[in-house]
Amino acid sequence: MKRVGALMPEDFDYSASISHMEMREALPFIDPENLSAQDVLEVLLHLFRQKPGFVDRGHECNNRETAWVNAYLFRLKPVRDADGMEAFNVETVGSSVDRMAQLR
């Protein structure tokens, strides 16, 4: 396993998706039609916490589409899933060396 610095596994798979229906069931306090910056962060953390090996080393709200988790900027991209249902895919937008240096 490669590491960024001594803290962050570089090869952790951050890919994920969630349908609006799944979001309403798992996160009933979030309206997928009207996400706030905090909602985006909550959805990303919910998805990542379900993956084996995820360690939250730091996160921060950004805006109504993106949030920072472990020094990576992620976007919730609206899509239609294979069944034609509205959903969000997690897309990695970029990373920040400065944020990596501040990870816990």
PDB file of N, CA and C in Angstrom:
ATOM      1  N   MET A   1       0.839  -1.177   0.000  1.00  0.00           N
ATOM      2  CA  MET A   1       0.000   0.000   0.000  1.00  0.00           C
ATOM      3  C   MET A   1       0.882   1.237   0.000  1.00  0.00           C
ATOM      4  N   LYS A   2       0.656   2.102  -0.955  1.00  0.00           N
ATOM      5  CA  LYS A   2       1.387   3.369  -0.997  1.00  0.00           C
ATOM      6  C   LYS A   2       0.763   4.326   0.001  1.00  0.00           C
ATOM      7  N   ARG A   3       1.571   5.210   0.530  1.00  0.00           N
ATOM      8  CA  ARG A   3       1.058   6.205   1.467  1.00  0.00           C
ATOM      9  C   ARG A   3       1.480   7.599   1.023  1.00  0.00           C
ATOM     10  N   VAL A   4       0.614   8.554   1.269  1.00  0.00           N
ATOM     11  CA  VAL A   4       0.940   9.956   1.071  1.00  0.00           C
ATOM     12  C   VAL A   4       1.402  10.440   2.430  1.00  0.00           C
ATOM     13  N   GLY A   5       2.646  10.844   2.538  1.00  0.00           N
ATOM     14  CA  GLY A   5       3.207  11.143   3.848  1.00  0.00           C
ATOM     15  C   GLY A   5       3.180   9.857   4.647  1.00  0.00           C
ATOM     16  N   ALA A   6       2.890   9.927   5.919  1.00  0.00           N
ATOM     17  CA  ALA A   6       2.791   8.723   6.730  1.00  0.00           C
ATOM     18  C   ALA A   6       1.358   8.493   7.168  1.00  0.00           C
ATOM     19  N   LEU A   7       0.410   9.273   6.641  1.00  0.00           N
ATOM     20  CA  LEU A   7      -0.933   9.242   7.179  1.00  0.00           C
ATOM     21  C   LEU A   7      -1.989   8.637   6.273  1.00  0.00           C
ATOM     22  N   MET A   8      -1.886   8.831   4.992  1.00  0.00           N
ATOM     23  CA  MET A   8      -3.009   8.608   4.097  1.00  0.00           C
ATOM     24  C   MET A   8      -2.749   7.508   3.085  1.00  0.00           C
ATOM     25  N   PRO A   9      -3.545   6.429   3.086  1.00  0.00           N
ATOM     26  CA  PRO A   9      -3.383   5.439   2.027  1.00  0.00           C
ATOM     27  C   PRO A   9      -3.757   6.048   0.679  1.00  0.00           C
ATOM     28  N   GLU A  10      -2.846   6.027  -0.247  1.00  0.00           N
ATOM     29  CA  GLU A  10      -3.071   6.625  -1.561  1.00  0.00           C
ATOM     30  C   GLU A  10      -4.037   5.801  -2.399  1.00  0.00           C
ATOM     31  N   ASP A  11      -4.111   4.500  -2.157  1.00  0.00           N
ATOM     32  CA  ASP A  11      -4.915   3.642  -3.009  1.00  0.00           C
ATOM     33  C   ASP A  11      -6.291   3.313  -2.424  1.00  0.00           C
ATOM     34  N   PHE A  12      -6.778   4.069  -1.444  1.00  0.00           N
ATOM     35  CA  PHE A  12      -8.127   3.864  -0.931  1.00  0.00           C
ATOM     36  C   PHE A  12      -9.122   4.186  -2.037  1.00  0.00           C
ATOM     37  N   ASP A  13     -10.107   3.340  -2.219  1.00  0.00           N
ATOM     38  CA  ASP A  13     -11.104   3.511  -3.270  1.00  0.00           C
ATOM     39  C   ASP A  13     -12.238   4.406  -2.775  1.00  0.00           C
ATOM     40  N   TYR A  14     -12.234   5.645  -3.209  1.00  0.00           N
ATOM     41  CA  TYR A  14     -13.250   6.599  -2.796  1.00  0.00           C
ATOM     42  C   TYR A  14     -14.480   6.573  -3.699  1.00  0.00           C
ATOM     43  N   SER A  15     -14.505   5.722  -4.704  1.00  0.00           N
ATOM     44  CA  SER A  15     -15.660   5.702  -5.593  1.00  0.00           C
ATOM     45  C   SER A  15     -16.897   5.243  -4.827  1.00  0.00           C
ATOM     46  N   ALA A  16     -18.025   5.876  -5.120  1.00  0.00           N
ATOM     47  CA  ALA A  16     -19.264   5.532  -4.445  1.00  0.00           C
ATOM     48  C   ALA A  16     -20.425   6.194  -5.177  1.00  0.00           C
ATOM     49  N   SER A  17     -21.604   5.708  -4.895  1.00  0.00           N
ATOM     50  CA  SER A  17     -22.812   6.338  -5.422  1.00  0.00           C
ATOM     51  C   SER A  17     -23.960   6.063  -4.467  1.00  0.00           C
ATOM     52  N   ILE A  18     -24.980   6.905  -4.568  1.00  0.00           N
ATOM     53  CA  ILE A  18     -26.161   6.750  -3.724  1.00  0.00           C
ATOM     54  C   ILE A  18     -27.355   7.320  -4.484  1.00  0.00           C
ATOM     55  N   SER A  19     -28.452   6.552  -4.502  1.00  0.00           N
ATOM     56  CA  SER A  19     -29.668   7.044  -5.150  1.00  0.00           C
ATOM     57  C   SER A  19     -30.389   7.990  -4.196  1.00  0.00           C
ATOM     58  N   HIS A  20     -31.272   8.779  -4.751  1.00  0.00           N
ATOM     59  CA  HIS A  20     -32.056   9.677  -3.912  1.00  0.00           C
ATOM     60  C   HIS A  20     -32.871   8.869  -2.904  1.00  0.00           C
ATOM     61  N   MET A  21     -33.410   7.725  -3.345  1.00  0.00           N
ATOM     62  CA  MET A  21     -34.202   6.882  -2.456  1.00  0.00           C
ATOM     63  C   MET A  21     -33.343   6.344  -1.303  1.00  0.00           C
ATOM     64  N   GLU A  22     -32.134   5.873  -1.615  1.00  0.00           N
ATOM     65  CA  GLU A  22     -31.222   5.390  -0.567  1.00  0.00           C
ATOM     66  C   GLU A  22     -30.860   6.513   0.398  1.00  0.00           C
ATOM     67  N   MET A  23     -30.673   7.698  -0.146  1.00  0.00           N
ATOM     68  CA  MET A  23     -30.325   8.834   0.699  1.00  0.00           C
ATOM     69  C   MET A  23     -31.474   9.165   1.650  1.00  0.00           C
ATOM     70  N   ARG A  24     -32.686   9.140   1.136  1.00  0.00           N
ATOM     71  CA  ARG A  24     -33.845   9.437   1.989  1.00  0.00           C
ATOM     72  C   ARG A  24     -33.996   8.404   3.106  1.00  0.00           C
ATOM     73  N   GLU A  25     -33.661   7.147   2.822  1.00  0.00           N
ATOM     74  CA  GLU A  25     -33.756   6.093   3.832  1.00  0.00           C
ATOM     75  C   GLU A  25     -32.633   6.192   4.863  1.00  0.00           C
ATOM     76  N   ALA A  26     -31.404   6.379   4.396  1.00  0.00           N
ATOM     77  CA  ALA A  26     -30.241   6.370   5.289  1.00  0.00           C
ATOM     78  C   ALA A  26     -30.026   7.708   5.993  1.00  0.00           C
ATOM     79  N   LEU A  27     -30.377   8.789   5.323  1.00  0.00           N
ATOM     80  CA  LEU A  27     -30.142  10.137   5.851  1.00  0.00           C
ATOM     81  C   LEU A  27     -31.434  10.953   5.729  1.00  0.00           C
ATOM     82  N   PRO A  28     -32.469  10.608   6.498  1.00  0.00           N
ATOM     83  CA  PRO A  28     -33.783  11.237   6.313  1.00  0.00           C
ATOM     84  C   PRO A  28     -33.813  12.743   6.568  1.00  0.00           C
ATOM     85  N   PHE A  29     -32.795  13.274   7.219  1.00  0.00           N
ATOM     86  CA  PHE A  29     -32.730  14.708   7.496  1.00  0.00           C
ATOM     87  C   PHE A  29     -32.181  15.500   6.313  1.00  0.00           C
ATOM     88  N   ILE A  30     -31.791  14.805   5.230  1.00  0.00           N
ATOM     89  CA  ILE A  30     -31.220  15.471   4.047  1.00  0.00           C
ATOM     90  C   ILE A  30     -32.187  15.368   2.878  1.00  0.00           C
ATOM     91  N   ASP A  31     -32.451  16.501   2.235  1.00  0.00           N
ATOM     92  CA  ASP A  31     -33.282  16.547   1.034  1.00  0.00           C
ATOM     93  C   ASP A  31     -32.354  16.499  -0.188  1.00  0.00           C
ATOM     94  N   PRO A  32     -32.338  15.374  -0.913  1.00  0.00           N
ATOM     95  CA  PRO A  32     -31.416  15.273  -2.063  1.00  0.00           C
ATOM     96  C   PRO A  32     -31.701  16.284  -3.173  1.00  0.00           C
ATOM     97  N   GLU A  33     -32.884  16.874  -3.162  1.00  0.00           N
ATOM     98  CA  GLU A  33     -33.235  17.883  -4.164  1.00  0.00           C
ATOM     99  C   GLU A  33     -32.685  19.262  -3.818  1.00  0.00           C
ATOM    100  N   ASN A  34     -32.261  19.450  -2.570  1.00  0.00           N
ATOM    101  CA  ASN A  34     -31.828  20.767  -2.115  1.00  0.00           C
ATOM    102  C   ASN A  34     -30.695  20.610  -1.093  1.00  0.00           C
ATOM    103  N   LEU A  35     -29.520  20.230  -1.559  1.00  0.00           N
ATOM    104  CA  LEU A  35     -28.388  19.977  -0.678  1.00  0.00           C
ATOM    105  C   LEU A  35     -27.733  21.261  -0.204  1.00  0.00           C
ATOM    106  N   SER A  36     -27.367  21.280   1.064  1.00  0.00           N
ATOM    107  CA  SER A  36     -26.551  22.367   1.598  1.00  0.00           C
ATOM    108  C   SER A  36     -25.095  21.897   1.594  1.00  0.00           C
ATOM    109  N   ALA A  37     -24.180  22.790   1.888  1.00  0.00           N
ATOM    110  CA  ALA A  37     -22.764  22.408   1.962  1.00  0.00           C
ATOM    111  C   ALA A  37     -22.557  21.338   3.035  1.00  0.00           C
ATOM    112  N   GLN A  38     -23.240  21.459   4.170  1.00  0.00           N
ATOM    113  CA  GLN A  38     -23.126  20.467   5.244  1.00  0.00           C
ATOM    114  C   GLN A  38     -23.710  19.118   4.797  1.00  0.00           C
ATOM    115  N   ASP A  39     -24.812  19.153   4.030  1.00  0.00           N
ATOM    116  CA  ASP A  39     -25.414  17.911   3.531  1.00  0.00           C
ATOM    117  C   ASP A  39     -24.447  17.142   2.644  1.00  0.00           C
ATOM    118  N   VAL A  40     -23.755  17.853   1.758  1.00  0.00           N
ATOM    119  CA  VAL A  40     -22.790  17.202   0.862  1.00  0.00           C
ATOM    120  C   VAL A  40     -21.729  16.488   1.684  1.00  0.00           C
ATOM    121  N   LEU A  41     -21.203  17.147   2.688  1.00  0.00           N
ATOM    122  CA  LEU A  41     -20.200  16.529   3.545  1.00  0.00           C
ATOM    123  C   LEU A  41     -20.773  15.312   4.262  1.00  0.00           C
ATOM    124  N   GLU A  42     -21.989  15.407   4.797  1.00  0.00           N
ATOM    125  CA  GLU A  42     -22.619  14.287   5.512  1.00  0.00           C
ATOM    126  C   GLU A  42     -22.809  13.083   4.593  1.00  0.00           C
ATOM    127  N   VAL A  43     -23.225  13.323   3.358  1.00  0.00           N
ATOM    128  CA  VAL A  43     -23.422  12.227   2.400  1.00  0.00           C
ATOM    129  C   VAL A  43     -22.087  11.559   2.091  1.00  0.00           C
ATOM    130  N   LEU A  44     -21.059  12.354   1.820  1.00  0.00           N
ATOM    131  CA  LEU A  44     -19.743  11.783   1.518  1.00  0.00           C
ATOM    132  C   LEU A  44     -19.220  10.963   2.687  1.00  0.00           C
ATOM    133  N   LEU A  45     -19.307  11.486   3.892  1.00  0.00           N
ATOM    134  CA  LEU A  45     -18.826  10.743   5.055  1.00  0.00           C
ATOM    135  C   LEU A  45     -19.639   9.466   5.260  1.00  0.00           C
ATOM    136  N   HIS A  46     -20.943   9.533   5.050  1.00  0.00           N
ATOM    137  CA  HIS A  46     -21.792   8.338   5.157  1.00  0.00           C
ATOM    138  C   HIS A  46     -21.322   7.255   4.185  1.00  0.00           C
ATOM    139  N   LEU A  47     -21.081   7.641   2.943  1.00  0.00           N
ATOM    140  CA  LEU A  47     -20.646   6.671   1.928  1.00  0.00           C
ATOM    141  C   LEU A  47     -19.263   6.106   2.235  1.00  0.00           C
ATOM    142  N   PHE A  48     -18.324   6.968   2.608  1.00  0.00           N
ATOM    143  CA  PHE A  48     -16.956   6.512   2.866  1.00  0.00           C
ATOM    144  C   PHE A  48     -16.875   5.635   4.115  1.00  0.00           C
ATOM    145  N   ARG A  49     -17.669   5.947   5.128  1.00  0.00           N
ATOM    146  CA  ARG A  49     -17.643   5.146   6.370  1.00  0.00           C
ATOM    147  C   ARG A  49     -18.126   3.723   6.157  1.00  0.00           C
ATOM    148  N   GLN A  50     -18.837   3.481   5.084  1.00  0.00           N
ATOM    149  CA  GLN A  50     -19.299   2.138   4.756  1.00  0.00           C
ATOM    150  C   GLN A  50     -18.212   1.282   4.112  1.00  0.00           C
ATOM    151  N   LYS A  51     -17.116   1.895   3.723  1.00  0.00           N
ATOM    152  CA  LYS A  51     -16.032   1.183   3.042  1.00  0.00           C
ATOM    153  C   LYS A  51     -14.981   0.726   4.044  1.00  0.00           C
ATOM    154  N   PRO A  52     -14.556  -0.528   3.943  1.00  0.00           N
ATOM    155  CA  PRO A  52     -13.509  -1.033   4.837  1.00  0.00           C
ATOM    156  C   PRO A  52     -12.219  -0.231   4.675  1.00  0.00           C
ATOM    157  N   GLY A  53     -11.621   0.099   5.802  1.00  0.00           N
ATOM    158  CA  GLY A  53     -10.341   0.794   5.781  1.00  0.00           C
ATOM    159  C   GLY A  53     -10.421   2.305   5.771  1.00  0.00           C
ATOM    160  N   PHE A  54     -11.638   2.876   5.717  1.00  0.00           N
ATOM    161  CA  PHE A  54     -11.737   4.332   5.711  1.00  0.00           C
ATOM    162  C   PHE A  54     -11.417   4.881   7.095  1.00  0.00           C
ATOM    163  N   VAL A  55     -10.544   5.870   7.126  1.00  0.00           N
ATOM    164  CA  VAL A  55     -10.219   6.599   8.349  1.00  0.00           C
ATOM    165  C   VAL A  55     -10.392   8.078   8.041  1.00  0.00           C
ATOM    166  N   ASP A  56     -11.238   8.742   8.822  1.00  0.00           N
ATOM    167  CA  ASP A  56     -11.468  10.173   8.631  1.00  0.00           C
ATOM    168  C   ASP A  56     -10.343  10.935   9.310  1.00  0.00           C
ATOM    169  N   ARG A  57      -9.466  11.504   8.511  1.00  0.00           N
ATOM    170  CA  ARG A  57      -8.325  12.249   9.032  1.00  0.00           C
ATOM    171  C   ARG A  57      -8.560  13.757   8.984  1.00  0.00           C
ATOM    172  N   GLY A  58      -9.718  14.133   8.546  1.00  0.00           N
ATOM    173  CA  GLY A  58     -10.065  15.548   8.480  1.00  0.00           C
ATOM    174  C   GLY A  58     -11.043  15.807   7.355  1.00  0.00           C
ATOM    175  N   HIS A  59     -11.999  16.673   7.598  1.00  0.00           N
ATOM    176  CA  HIS A  59     -12.984  17.007   6.571  1.00  0.00           C
ATOM    177  C   HIS A  59     -13.453  18.447   6.773  1.00  0.00           C
ATOM    178  N   GLU A  60     -14.044  18.978   5.706  1.00  0.00           N
ATOM    179  CA  GLU A  60     -14.489  20.375   5.744  1.00  0.00           C
ATOM    180  C   GLU A  60     -15.532  20.602   4.663  1.00  0.00           C
ATOM    181  N   CYS A  61     -16.560  21.378   4.998  1.00  0.00           N
ATOM    182  CA  CYS A  61     -17.559  21.773   3.996  1.00  0.00           C
ATOM    183  C   CYS A  61     -16.897  22.679   2.968  1.00  0.00           C
ATOM    184  N   ASN A  62     -17.408  22.656   1.758  1.00  0.00           N
ATOM    185  CA  ASN A  62     -16.915  23.564   0.731  1.00  0.00           C
ATOM    186  C   ASN A  62     -18.076  24.342   0.110  1.00  0.00           C
ATOM    187  N   ASN A  63     -18.978  23.638  -0.585  1.00  0.00           N
ATOM    188  CA  ASN A  63     -20.153  24.306  -1.158  1.00  0.00           C
ATOM    189  C   ASN A  63     -21.261  23.277  -1.375  1.00  0.00           C
ATOM    190  N   ARG A  64     -22.287  23.618  -2.138  1.00  0.00           N
ATOM    191  CA  ARG A  64     -23.442  22.742  -2.312  1.00  0.00           C
ATOM    192  C   ARG A  64     -23.193  21.584  -3.269  1.00  0.00           C
ATOM    193  N   GLU A  65     -21.996  21.466  -3.800  1.00  0.00           N
ATOM    194  CA  GLU A  65     -21.651  20.342  -4.676  1.00  0.00           C
ATOM    195  C   GLU A  65     -20.432  19.586  -4.190  1.00  0.00           C
ATOM    196  N   THR A  66     -19.518  20.266  -3.492  1.00  0.00           N
ATOM    197  CA  THR A  66     -18.236  19.655  -3.137  1.00  0.00           C
ATOM    198  C   THR A  66     -17.928  19.791  -1.652  1.00  0.00           C
ATOM    199  N   ALA A  67     -17.052  18.879  -1.179  1.00  0.00           N
ATOM    200  CA  ALA A  67     -16.557  18.934   0.200  1.00  0.00           C
ATOM    201  C   ALA A  67     -15.173  18.298   0.235  1.00  0.00           C
ATOM    202  N   TRP A  68     -14.396  18.682   1.242  1.00  0.00           N
ATOM    203  CA  TRP A  68     -13.055  18.141   1.449  1.00  0.00           C
ATOM    204  C   TRP A  68     -13.119  16.976   2.443  1.00  0.00           C
ATOM    205  N   VAL A  69     -12.508  15.852   2.088  1.00  0.00           N
ATOM    206  CA  VAL A  69     -12.347  14.725   3.003  1.00  0.00           C
ATOM    207  C   VAL A  69     -10.934  14.197   2.805  1.00  0.00           C
ATOM    208  N   ASN A  70     -10.176  14.150   3.888  1.00  0.00           N
ATOM    209  CA  ASN A  70      -8.803  13.640   3.839  1.00  0.00           C
ATOM    210  C   ASN A  70      -7.958  14.316   2.767  1.00  0.00           C
ATOM    211  N   ALA A  71      -8.112  15.617   2.647  1.00  0.00           N
ATOM    212  CA  ALA A  71      -7.336  16.469   1.739  1.00  0.00           C
ATOM    213  C   ALA A  71      -7.689  16.283   0.262  1.00  0.00           C
ATOM    214  N   TYR A  72      -8.786  15.571   0.001  1.00  0.00           N
ATOM    215  CA  TYR A  72      -9.289  15.434  -1.365  1.00  0.00           C
ATOM    216  C   TYR A  72     -10.596  16.187  -1.485  1.00  0.00           C
ATOM    217  N   LEU A  73     -10.787  16.853  -2.612  1.00  0.00           N
ATOM    218  CA  LEU A  73     -12.027  17.556  -2.887  1.00  0.00           C
ATOM    219  C   LEU A  73     -12.919  16.632  -3.703  1.00  0.00           C
ATOM    220  N   PHE A  74     -14.111  16.346  -3.175  1.00  0.00           N
ATOM    221  CA  PHE A  74     -15.053  15.448  -3.839  1.00  0.00           C
ATOM    222  C   PHE A  74     -16.299  16.203  -4.229  1.00  0.00           C
ATOM    223  N   ARG A  75     -16.884  15.783  -5.356  1.00  0.00           N
ATOM    224  CA  ARG A  75     -18.131  16.361  -5.851  1.00  0.00           C
ATOM    225  C   ARG A  75     -19.193  15.273  -5.847  1.00  0.00           C
ATOM    226  N   LEU A  76     -20.406  15.644  -5.440  1.00  0.00           N
ATOM    227  CA  LEU A  76     -21.561  14.776  -5.636  1.00  0.00           C
ATOM    228  C   LEU A  76     -22.159  15.155  -6.978  1.00  0.00           C
ATOM    229  N   LYS A  77     -21.967  14.290  -7.954  1.00  0.00           N
ATOM    230  CA  LYS A  77     -22.401  14.566  -9.317  1.00  0.00           C
ATOM    231  C   LYS A  77     -23.767  13.921  -9.563  1.00  0.00           C
ATOM    232  N   PRO A  78     -24.788  14.728  -9.887  1.00  0.00           N
ATOM    233  CA  PRO A  78     -26.113  14.161 -10.151  1.00  0.00           C
ATOM    234  C   PRO A  78     -26.109  13.338 -11.434  1.00  0.00           C
ATOM    235  N   VAL A  79     -26.690  12.135 -11.365  1.00  0.00           N
ATOM    236  CA  VAL A  79     -26.770  11.222 -12.507  1.00  0.00           C
ATOM    237  C   VAL A  79     -28.092  10.468 -12.436  1.00  0.00           C
ATOM    238  N   ARG A  80     -28.355   9.691 -13.445  1.00  0.00           N
ATOM    239  CA  ARG A  80     -29.454   8.711 -13.432  1.00  0.00           C
ATOM    240  C   ARG A  80     -28.794   7.343 -13.400  1.00  0.00           C
ATOM    241  N   ASP A  81     -29.240   6.485 -12.473  1.00  0.00           N
ATOM    242  CA  ASP A  81     -28.638   5.153 -12.377  1.00  0.00           C
ATOM    243  C   ASP A  81     -29.178   4.250 -13.479  1.00  0.00           C
ATOM    244  N   ALA A  82     -28.780   2.998 -13.474  1.00  0.00           N
ATOM    245  CA  ALA A  82     -29.156   2.038 -14.518  1.00  0.00           C
ATOM    246  C   ALA A  82     -30.671   1.866 -14.627  1.00  0.00           C
ATOM    247  N   ASP A  83     -31.392   2.090 -13.537  1.00  0.00           N
ATOM    248  CA  ASP A  83     -32.850   1.958 -13.528  1.00  0.00           C
ATOM    249  C   ASP A  83     -33.559   3.275 -13.833  1.00  0.00           C
ATOM    250  N   GLY A  84     -32.802   4.308 -14.161  1.00  0.00           N
ATOM    251  CA  GLY A  84     -33.371   5.608 -14.466  1.00  0.00           C
ATOM    252  C   GLY A  84     -33.700   6.443 -13.243  1.00  0.00           C
ATOM    253  N   MET A  85     -33.262   5.982 -12.069  1.00  0.00           N
ATOM    254  CA  MET A  85     -33.518   6.704 -10.825  1.00  0.00           C
ATOM    255  C   MET A  85     -32.464   7.798 -10.641  1.00  0.00           C
ATOM    256  N   GLU A  86     -32.878   8.911 -10.035  1.00  0.00           N
ATOM    257  CA  GLU A  86     -31.932   9.977  -9.736  1.00  0.00           C
ATOM    258  C   GLU A  86     -30.964   9.499  -8.654  1.00  0.00           C
ATOM    259  N   ALA A  87     -29.687   9.858  -8.840  1.00  0.00           N
ATOM    260  CA  ALA A  87     -28.647   9.419  -7.910  1.00  0.00           C
ATOM    261  C   ALA A  87     -27.505  10.426  -7.940  1.00  0.00           C
ATOM    262  N   PHE A  88     -26.532  10.174  -7.076  1.00  0.00           N
ATOM    263  CA  PHE A  88     -25.300  10.949  -7.065  1.00  0.00           C
ATOM    264  C   PHE A  88     -24.126   9.992  -7.153  1.00  0.00           C
ATOM    265  N   ASN A  89     -23.165  10.309  -7.996  1.00  0.00           N
ATOM    266  CA  ASN A  89     -21.877   9.613  -8.025  1.00  0.00           C
ATOM    267  C   ASN A  89     -20.850  10.510  -7.351  1.00  0.00           C
ATOM    268  N   VAL A  90     -19.922   9.894  -6.649  1.00  0.00           N
ATOM    269  CA  VAL A  90     -18.830  10.639  -6.038  1.00  0.00           C
ATOM    270  C   VAL A  90     -17.731  10.788  -7.076  1.00  0.00           C
ATOM    271  N   GLU A  91     -17.322  12.009  -7.302  1.00  0.00           N
ATOM    272  CA  GLU A  91     -16.279  12.317  -8.274  1.00  0.00           C
ATOM    273  C   GLU A  91     -15.141  13.027  -7.538  1.00  0.00           C
ATOM    274  N   THR A  92     -13.916  12.578  -7.753  1.00  0.00           N
ATOM    275  CA  THR A  92     -12.758  13.245  -7.160  1.00  0.00           C
ATOM    276  C   THR A  92     -12.382  14.420  -8.041  1.00  0.00           C
ATOM    277  N   VAL A  93     -12.367  15.619  -7.448  1.00  0.00           N
ATOM    278  CA  VAL A  93     -12.067  16.829  -8.196  1.00  0.00           C
ATOM    279  C   VAL A  93     -10.583  17.142  -8.136  1.00  0.00           C
ATOM    280  N   GLY A  94      -9.974  16.943  -6.976  1.00  0.00           N
ATOM    281  CA  GLY A  94      -8.558  17.250  -6.819  1.00  0.00           C
ATOM    282  C   GLY A  94      -8.105  16.992  -5.402  1.00  0.00           C
ATOM    283  N   SER A  95      -6.904  17.445  -5.106  1.00  0.00           N
ATOM    284  CA  SER A  95      -6.347  17.282  -3.762  1.00  0.00           C
ATOM    285  C   SER A  95      -5.525  18.517  -3.417  1.00  0.00           C
ATOM    286  N   SER A  96      -5.150  18.603  -2.150  1.00  0.00           N
ATOM    287  CA  SER A  96      -4.394  19.751  -1.686  1.00  0.00           C
ATOM    288  C   SER A  96      -3.220  19.286  -0.829  1.00  0.00           C
ATOM    289  N   VAL A  97      -2.014  19.606  -1.237  1.00  0.00           N
ATOM    290  CA  VAL A  97      -0.805  19.254  -0.469  1.00  0.00           C
ATOM    291  C   VAL A  97      -0.856  19.973   0.877  1.00  0.00           C
ATOM    292  N   ASP A  98      -1.295  21.227   0.891  1.00  0.00           N
ATOM    293  CA  ASP A  98      -1.394  21.967   2.156  1.00  0.00           C
ATOM    294  C   ASP A  98      -2.338  21.275   3.122  1.00  0.00           C
ATOM    295  N   ARG A  99      -3.472  20.814   2.622  1.00  0.00           N
ATOM    296  CA  ARG A  99      -4.439  20.111   3.479  1.00  0.00           C
ATOM    297  C   ARG A  99      -3.869  18.773   3.933  1.00  0.00           C
ATOM    298  N   MET A 100      -3.114  18.090   3.079  1.00  0.00           N
ATOM    299  CA  MET A 100      -2.501  16.813   3.471  1.00  0.00           C
ATOM    300  C   MET A 100      -1.530  17.011   4.625  1.00  0.00           C
ATOM    301  N   ALA A 101      -0.813  18.119   4.609  1.00  0.00           N
ATOM    302  CA  ALA A 101       0.150  18.400   5.671  1.00  0.00           C
ATOM    303  C   ALA A 101      -0.548  18.637   7.013  1.00  0.00           C
ATOM    304  N   GLN A 102      -1.839  18.987   6.976  1.00  0.00           N
ATOM    305  CA  GLN A 102      -2.578  19.274   8.208  1.00  0.00           C
ATOM    306  C   GLN A 102      -3.396  18.087   8.707  1.00  0.00           C
ATOM    307  N   LEU A 103      -3.355  16.955   8.011  1.00  0.00           N
ATOM    308  CA  LEU A 103      -4.167  15.808   8.409  1.00  0.00           C
ATOM    309  C   LEU A 103      -3.780  15.299   9.783  1.00  0.00           C
ATOM    310  N   ARG A 104      -4.767  14.803  10.515  1.00  0.00           N
ATOM    311  CA  ARG A 104      -4.524  14.235  11.841  1.00  0.00           C
ATOM    312  C   ARG A 104      -3.972  12.843  11.716  1.00  0.00           C
TER     313      ARG A 104
END
